Amino acid sequence: MKTSLNVAVLFGGPSSEREVSRRSGRAVCDSLSRQGHYVTPVDVFDITLPEVSVENTDVAFLAMHGAFGEDGQAQTLLEERGIPYTGSGPVASKLAMDKVASKWKFRAYGMKTPDWTVATHRHSVEELEELCSRVGYPCVVKPRRNGSSVGVGLANDAGELADCAAQAFEIEDEIILEAYAAGREFTVGILDDSPLPVIEVVPASDFFDYNAKYVNSDTKYLLDVDLDADEIKLAQEAARKAHLALGCCGMSRVDMIRTGPGIFEVLEVNTIPGMTERSLLPKAAGKAGIDFARLCELIVELALKRPAAQRAAPAISHAAG
């Protein structure tokens, strides 16, 4: 982009991912400011966005992770005001945020995803154990609508199940109990509907939870993955298909587990992935020759060239997958 733009960078938000989001927002603000744009940092505390109007904003850069920023609410408000914004529209955002709805989509499009069941805070400990028997131990316990691995735990027995469920219920009244997919974890960034290089995630502990992601410095992110060319293509195609199946656009990051040779089970799609220079989408873009400054510019360019009707479009037809 050669023209300087009025860019409102939205970060923070009212969700449990607020602090992670603020890091993304600060990095994007710094990058776009250095490139000559007129940047308005918007630290969001509620769900009204009073600072953002069509009169003072050419484009909104969404760096809010979690509820409001990533579930379609902010996107709906911006569309009502006629303001272009980065990333996916309300329908895709809501789908991706809801782990159950997105897993049904993955299955409908022929993708593998670990088995799961849903529990609510009204279930007793005994009922939770009965539900867990449908997927077996170890069982991954996570809030139905949340990100950044907040509230996620791994239960190996009934005692741990009760503890993990209590932790997840602090975040949300509905949780999912998901079969543990043993294998190697990979993540694939998507930019303009095309996959970026594959990254392998190697946590220092046995389970990639919030601490492994943000606290433990021993977690490794490998850009030179030990996969042959065919498997790399399979991982990238699984990510692209998941992205398109939910109707996402602009950018996303897809997490998956390789459970066997050529078998990649999709866990979830992140429609607003982390945007610091150390985050995984920027790392993958860097591997593809796109530095952080150019990545921020590209994301804005994609927002400006995309018609409003496309932002609001539902997921692709099955034939297009």
Protein backbone atom coordinates (compact mmCIF):
# COMPACT_ATOMS: atom_id res chain seq x y z
CA MET A 1 0.00 0.00 0.00
CA LYS A 2 1.33 3.43 -0.93
CA THR A 3 -1.51 5.51 0.53
CA SER A 4 -1.51 6.29 4.23
CA LEU A 5 -4.68 4.98 5.87
CA ASN A 6 -6.59 5.66 9.04
CA VAL A 7 -6.34 2.29 10.73
CA ALA A 8 -8.14 1.49 13.97
CA VAL A 9 -6.36 -1.44 15.65
CA LEU A 10 -8.79 -3.19 18.00
CA PHE A 11 -7.27 -5.24 20.79
CA GLY A 12 -7.89 -6.23 24.40
CA GLY A 13 -11.57 -7.02 24.63
CA PRO A 14 -13.71 -8.39 27.45
CA SER A 15 -12.61 -12.04 27.16
CA SER A 16 -10.19 -14.19 29.14
CA GLU A 17 -7.69 -13.67 26.29
CA ARG A 18 -7.45 -9.94 26.87
CA GLU A 19 -3.76 -9.80 27.82
CA VAL A 20 -2.67 -12.00 24.93
CA SER A 21 -4.69 -9.78 22.60
CA ARG A 22 -3.06 -6.61 23.89
CA ARG A 23 0.35 -7.98 22.90
CA SER A 24 -0.91 -8.58 19.37
CA GLY A 25 -2.47 -5.13 19.19
CA ARG A 26 0.67 -3.32 20.31
CA ALA A 27 2.80 -5.16 17.76
CA VAL A 28 0.38 -4.37 14.91
CA CYS A 29 0.12 -0.71 15.96
CA ASP A 30 3.88 -0.32 16.00
CA SER A 31 4.30 -2.00 12.62
CA LEU A 32 1.60 -0.04 10.79
CA SER A 33 2.71 3.25 12.36
CA ARG A 34 6.28 2.70 11.16
CA GLN A 35 4.90 2.20 7.67
CA GLY A 36 3.30 5.64 7.67
CA HIS A 37 -0.31 4.86 8.51
CA TYR A 38 -2.38 6.90 10.94
CA VAL A 39 -3.01 4.33 13.63
CA THR A 40 -5.61 4.63 16.36
CA PRO A 41 -5.03 2.05 19.12
CA VAL A 42 -8.40 0.95 20.51
CA ASP A 43 -8.14 -0.96 23.78
CA VAL A 44 -11.62 -2.49 23.87
CA PHE A 45 -13.32 -2.82 27.26
CA ASP A 46 -16.96 -3.27 26.26
CA ILE A 47 -18.97 -4.36 23.22
CA THR A 48 -19.96 -1.01 21.72
CA LEU A 49 -16.77 0.31 20.01
CA PRO A 50 -17.66 4.00 20.45
CA GLU A 51 -14.23 5.12 19.21
CA VAL A 52 -14.63 3.55 15.76
CA SER A 53 -16.71 5.29 13.10
CA VAL A 54 -16.76 5.38 9.31
CA GLU A 55 -15.77 9.06 9.48
CA ASN A 56 -12.43 8.40 11.19
CA THR A 57 -11.62 4.86 10.04
CA ASP A 58 -10.59 3.53 6.63
CA VAL A 59 -10.13 0.00 7.94
CA ALA A 60 -10.26 -1.79 11.29
CA PHE A 61 -7.51 -4.27 12.12
CA LEU A 62 -8.96 -6.86 14.49
CA ALA A 63 -6.41 -8.16 16.98
CA MET A 64 -8.95 -9.22 19.60
CA HIS A 65 -8.79 -12.88 20.53
CA GLY A 66 -11.71 -14.66 22.17
CA ALA A 67 -15.26 -13.51 22.85
CA PHE A 68 -16.51 -10.40 21.06
CA GLY A 69 -13.43 -10.08 18.84
CA GLU A 70 -13.34 -13.57 17.42
CA ASP A 71 -16.96 -14.73 17.61
CA GLY A 72 -18.56 -12.43 15.03
CA GLN A 73 -19.90 -9.70 17.32
CA ALA A 74 -17.28 -7.06 16.49
CA GLN A 75 -17.50 -7.98 12.81
CA THR A 76 -21.26 -7.46 12.85
CA LEU A 77 -20.91 -4.01 14.45
CA LEU A 78 -18.30 -2.94 11.91
CA GLU A 79 -20.43 -4.13 8.99
CA GLU A 80 -23.41 -2.20 10.34
CA ARG A 81 -21.21 0.93 10.30
CA GLY A 82 -19.84 0.23 6.83
CA ILE A 83 -16.24 -0.14 8.02
CA PRO A 84 -13.95 -2.67 6.29
CA TYR A 85 -12.15 -4.96 8.69
CA THR A 86 -9.51 -7.68 8.64
CA GLY A 87 -10.21 -11.38 8.74
CA SER A 88 -13.34 -13.48 8.49
CA GLY A 89 -16.95 -12.35 8.58
CA PRO A 90 -19.54 -12.90 11.33
CA VAL A 91 -20.75 -16.31 10.15
CA ALA A 92 -17.31 -17.90 9.81
CA SER A 93 -16.08 -16.25 13.01
CA LYS A 94 -18.98 -17.63 15.03
CA LEU A 95 -18.52 -21.09 13.53
CA ALA A 96 -14.80 -21.21 14.23
CA MET A 97 -15.23 -19.95 17.79
CA ASP A 98 -17.70 -22.72 18.56
CA LYS A 99 -15.61 -25.90 18.80
CA VAL A 100 -18.66 -28.14 18.48
CA ALA A 101 -20.12 -26.39 15.43
CA SER A 102 -16.75 -26.30 13.70
CA LYS A 103 -16.10 -30.01 14.39
CA TRP A 104 -19.44 -30.87 12.80
CA LYS A 105 -18.35 -28.85 9.76
CA PHE A 106 -15.04 -30.67 9.60
CA ARG A 107 -16.83 -34.02 9.65
CA ALA A 108 -19.30 -32.85 6.99
CA TYR A 109 -16.40 -31.97 4.70
CA GLY A 110 -14.74 -35.34 5.20
CA MET A 111 -12.00 -34.17 7.56
CA LYS A 112 -10.79 -36.11 10.57
CA THR A 113 -11.23 -34.57 14.01
CA PRO A 114 -11.10 -36.26 17.44
CA ASP A 115 -14.38 -37.64 18.84
CA TRP A 116 -16.11 -35.45 21.41
CA THR A 117 -19.14 -34.96 23.58
CA VAL A 118 -20.62 -31.91 25.32
CA ALA A 119 -21.19 -31.32 29.04
CA THR A 120 -22.76 -28.45 30.96
CA HIS A 121 -22.35 -27.11 34.48
CA ARG A 122 -25.64 -28.84 35.36
CA HIS A 123 -24.07 -32.30 34.98
CA SER A 124 -23.06 -34.05 38.19
CA VAL A 125 -19.64 -35.61 38.65
CA GLU A 126 -21.16 -39.03 37.97
CA GLU A 127 -22.79 -37.76 34.76
CA LEU A 128 -19.48 -36.24 33.63
CA GLU A 129 -17.83 -39.61 34.13
CA GLU A 130 -20.55 -41.30 32.05
CA LEU A 131 -20.11 -38.74 29.28
CA CYS A 132 -16.35 -39.17 29.37
CA SER A 133 -16.76 -42.92 28.90
CA ARG A 134 -17.96 -42.16 25.36
CA VAL A 135 -14.54 -40.79 24.38
CA GLY A 136 -12.35 -42.56 26.94
CA TYR A 137 -9.27 -41.55 28.92
CA PRO A 138 -7.13 -39.59 28.51
CA CYS A 139 -9.69 -36.91 27.77
CA VAL A 140 -9.09 -33.29 26.76
CA VAL A 141 -11.42 -30.93 28.61
CA LYS A 142 -11.95 -27.47 27.16
CA PRO A 143 -14.49 -24.63 27.13
CA ARG A 144 -16.78 -24.84 24.10
CA ARG A 145 -16.06 -21.28 22.98
CA ASN A 146 -12.65 -20.01 23.96
CA GLY A 147 -9.10 -19.83 22.67
CA SER A 148 -5.43 -19.52 23.63
CA SER A 149 -5.81 -22.85 25.47
CA VAL A 150 -7.41 -20.97 28.39
CA GLY A 151 -9.26 -23.41 30.64
CA VAL A 152 -7.97 -26.47 28.77
CA GLY A 153 -6.86 -29.55 30.70
CA LEU A 154 -6.01 -33.21 30.23
CA ALA A 155 -7.80 -35.78 32.42
CA ASN A 156 -6.32 -39.24 32.85
CA ASP A 157 -8.87 -40.48 35.39
CA ALA A 158 -12.12 -39.54 37.14
CA GLY A 159 -10.38 -37.38 39.74
CA GLU A 160 -8.56 -35.33 37.13
CA LEU A 161 -11.77 -35.10 35.09
CA ALA A 162 -13.55 -33.37 37.97
CA ASP A 163 -10.67 -30.93 38.43
CA CYS A 164 -10.36 -30.16 34.69
CA ALA A 165 -14.12 -29.71 34.33
CA ALA A 166 -14.23 -27.30 37.28
CA GLN A 167 -11.42 -25.28 35.67
CA ALA A 168 -13.21 -25.17 32.29
CA PHE A 169 -16.54 -24.28 33.89
CA GLU A 170 -14.91 -21.17 35.37
CA ILE A 171 -14.64 -19.95 31.77
CA GLU A 172 -17.92 -21.17 30.32
CA ASP A 173 -21.08 -23.11 31.22
CA GLU A 174 -20.64 -25.53 28.31
CA ILE A 175 -17.51 -27.61 27.84
CA ILE A 176 -16.42 -30.37 25.50
CA LEU A 177 -14.83 -33.66 26.43
CA GLU A 178 -12.61 -34.64 23.53
CA ALA A 179 -10.76 -37.87 22.86
CA TYR A 180 -7.04 -37.32 23.27
CA ALA A 181 -5.33 -37.56 19.88
CA ALA A 182 -1.86 -38.97 20.46
CA GLY A 183 0.71 -37.81 17.97
CA ARG A 184 2.71 -34.84 16.78
CA GLU A 185 1.10 -31.37 16.82
CA PHE A 186 1.32 -29.08 13.82
CA THR A 187 -0.12 -25.72 12.93
CA VAL A 188 -0.59 -24.22 9.48
CA GLY A 189 -1.21 -20.55 8.82
CA ILE A 190 -3.50 -19.49 6.00
CA LEU A 191 -3.03 -16.20 4.15
CA ASP A 192 -5.39 -15.17 1.35
CA ASP A 193 -6.85 -18.71 1.34
CA SER A 194 -3.43 -20.27 0.68
CA PRO A 195 -1.41 -22.31 3.20
CA LEU A 196 1.86 -21.08 4.63
CA PRO A 197 4.75 -23.35 5.68
CA VAL A 198 3.95 -25.98 8.31
CA ILE A 199 5.15 -25.49 11.91
CA GLU A 200 5.56 -28.33 14.40
CA VAL A 201 4.73 -27.56 18.03
CA VAL A 202 6.86 -29.47 20.55
CA PRO A 203 5.76 -28.63 24.11
CA ALA A 204 8.17 -29.21 26.97
CA SER A 205 5.40 -31.07 28.83
CA ASP A 206 3.21 -33.86 27.49
CA PHE A 207 0.30 -31.52 26.87
CA PHE A 208 0.12 -28.20 25.02
CA ASP A 209 -1.88 -26.09 27.51
CA TYR A 210 -1.81 -22.35 28.30
CA ASN A 211 1.45 -22.61 30.25
CA ALA A 212 3.16 -24.49 27.44
CA LYS A 213 1.95 -21.89 24.96
CA TYR A 214 2.71 -18.66 26.83
CA VAL A 215 4.71 -19.35 29.99
CA ASN A 216 7.13 -22.24 29.44
CA SER A 217 10.03 -21.03 27.32
CA ASP A 218 11.05 -24.64 26.60
CA THR A 219 8.19 -25.14 24.14
CA LYS A 220 9.69 -25.42 20.64
CA TYR A 221 8.25 -24.30 17.32
CA LEU A 222 10.02 -26.06 14.47
CA LEU A 223 9.97 -24.39 11.06
CA ASP A 224 12.05 -27.13 9.48
CA VAL A 225 9.62 -29.99 10.03
CA ASP A 226 10.59 -33.64 9.80
CA LEU A 227 7.92 -34.58 7.23
CA ASP A 228 8.33 -35.61 3.63
CA ALA A 229 6.98 -33.41 0.85
CA ASP A 230 3.79 -35.46 0.44
CA GLU A 231 2.90 -35.19 4.13
CA ILE A 232 3.59 -31.46 4.16
CA LYS A 233 1.13 -31.10 1.29
CA LEU A 234 -1.43 -33.21 3.16
CA ALA A 235 -1.12 -31.01 6.26
CA GLN A 236 -1.41 -27.83 4.21
CA GLU A 237 -4.42 -29.15 2.31
CA ALA A 238 -6.14 -30.19 5.54
CA ALA A 239 -5.61 -26.65 6.87
CA ARG A 240 -6.85 -25.00 3.68
CA LYS A 241 -9.91 -27.22 3.61
CA ALA A 242 -10.75 -26.49 7.26
CA HIS A 243 -10.34 -22.74 6.64
CA LEU A 244 -12.65 -22.82 3.62
CA ALA A 245 -15.16 -25.21 5.14
CA LEU A 246 -15.95 -22.65 7.82
CA GLY A 247 -16.11 -19.84 5.24
CA CYS A 248 -13.02 -18.08 6.61
CA CYS A 249 -11.16 -15.46 4.60
CA GLY A 250 -8.14 -13.20 4.90
CA MET A 251 -6.06 -15.21 7.33
CA SER A 252 -6.36 -17.93 9.95
CA ARG A 253 -4.27 -20.58 11.68
CA VAL A 254 -5.30 -24.23 11.80
CA ASP A 255 -4.15 -26.59 14.56
CA MET A 256 -3.94 -30.32 13.95
CA ILE A 257 -2.48 -33.59 15.22
CA ARG A 258 -0.66 -36.11 13.04
CA THR A 259 -1.93 -39.37 14.50
CA GLY A 260 -0.23 -41.60 11.92
CA PRO A 261 1.51 -41.53 8.54
CA GLY A 262 -0.45 -39.13 6.33
CA ILE A 263 -3.25 -38.76 8.92
CA PHE A 264 -3.89 -35.21 10.19
CA GLU A 265 -6.79 -34.65 12.58
CA VAL A 266 -7.98 -31.04 12.70
CA LEU A 267 -8.47 -29.56 16.18
CA GLU A 268 -9.63 -26.02 15.46
CA VAL A 269 -9.35 -22.93 13.28
CA ASN A 270 -8.19 -19.65 14.83
CA THR A 271 -9.66 -16.76 12.83
CA ILE A 272 -7.62 -14.09 14.65
CA PRO A 273 -4.29 -15.75 15.42
CA GLY A 274 -1.59 -14.11 17.49
CA MET A 275 0.10 -11.17 15.81
CA THR A 276 3.35 -10.52 17.61
CA GLU A 277 6.59 -11.13 15.76
CA ARG A 278 7.00 -14.30 17.83
CA SER A 279 3.50 -15.61 17.08
CA LEU A 280 3.04 -18.62 14.84
CA LEU A 281 1.30 -17.02 11.87
CA PRO A 282 4.08 -14.39 11.52
CA LYS A 283 6.71 -17.12 11.98
CA ALA A 284 5.18 -19.13 9.13
CA ALA A 285 4.88 -16.02 6.96
CA GLY A 286 8.54 -15.24 7.66
CA LYS A 287 9.49 -18.72 6.51
CA ALA A 288 7.62 -17.92 3.27
CA GLY A 289 9.61 -14.70 2.85
CA ILE A 290 6.96 -12.32 4.24
CA ASP A 291 8.30 -10.24 7.11
CA PHE A 292 6.06 -8.93 9.91
CA ALA A 293 5.64 -5.47 8.40
CA ARG A 294 4.61 -6.89 5.04
CA LEU A 295 2.26 -9.38 6.71
CA CYS A 296 0.40 -6.59 8.49
CA GLU A 297 0.14 -4.68 5.21
CA LEU A 298 -1.12 -7.73 3.33
CA ILE A 299 -3.82 -8.40 5.91
CA VAL A 300 -5.03 -4.80 5.56
CA GLU A 301 -4.93 -5.03 1.76
CA LEU A 302 -7.04 -8.18 1.83
CA ALA A 303 -9.61 -6.43 4.02
CA LEU A 304 -9.87 -3.46 1.66
CA LYS A 305 -10.21 -5.46 -1.54
CA ARG A 306 -12.83 -7.88 -0.21
CA PRO A 307 -16.48 -6.92 -0.94
CA ALA A 308 -18.77 -6.69 2.07
CA ALA A 309 -20.98 -9.38 0.57
CA GLN A 310 -18.06 -11.82 0.64
CA ARG A 311 -17.31 -11.06 4.29
CA ALA A 312 -20.85 -12.00 5.20
CA ALA A 313 -20.95 -15.08 2.96
CA PRO A 314 -21.60 -18.52 4.49
CA ALA A 315 -19.19 -21.41 4.19
CA ILE A 316 -18.27 -22.72 0.77
CA SER A 317 -20.30 -25.40 -0.96
CA HIS A 318 -19.06 -28.95 -0.53
CA ALA A 319 -18.16 -29.13 -4.18
CA ALA A 320 -15.67 -26.30 -3.77
CA GLY A 321 -13.82 -28.00 -0.93
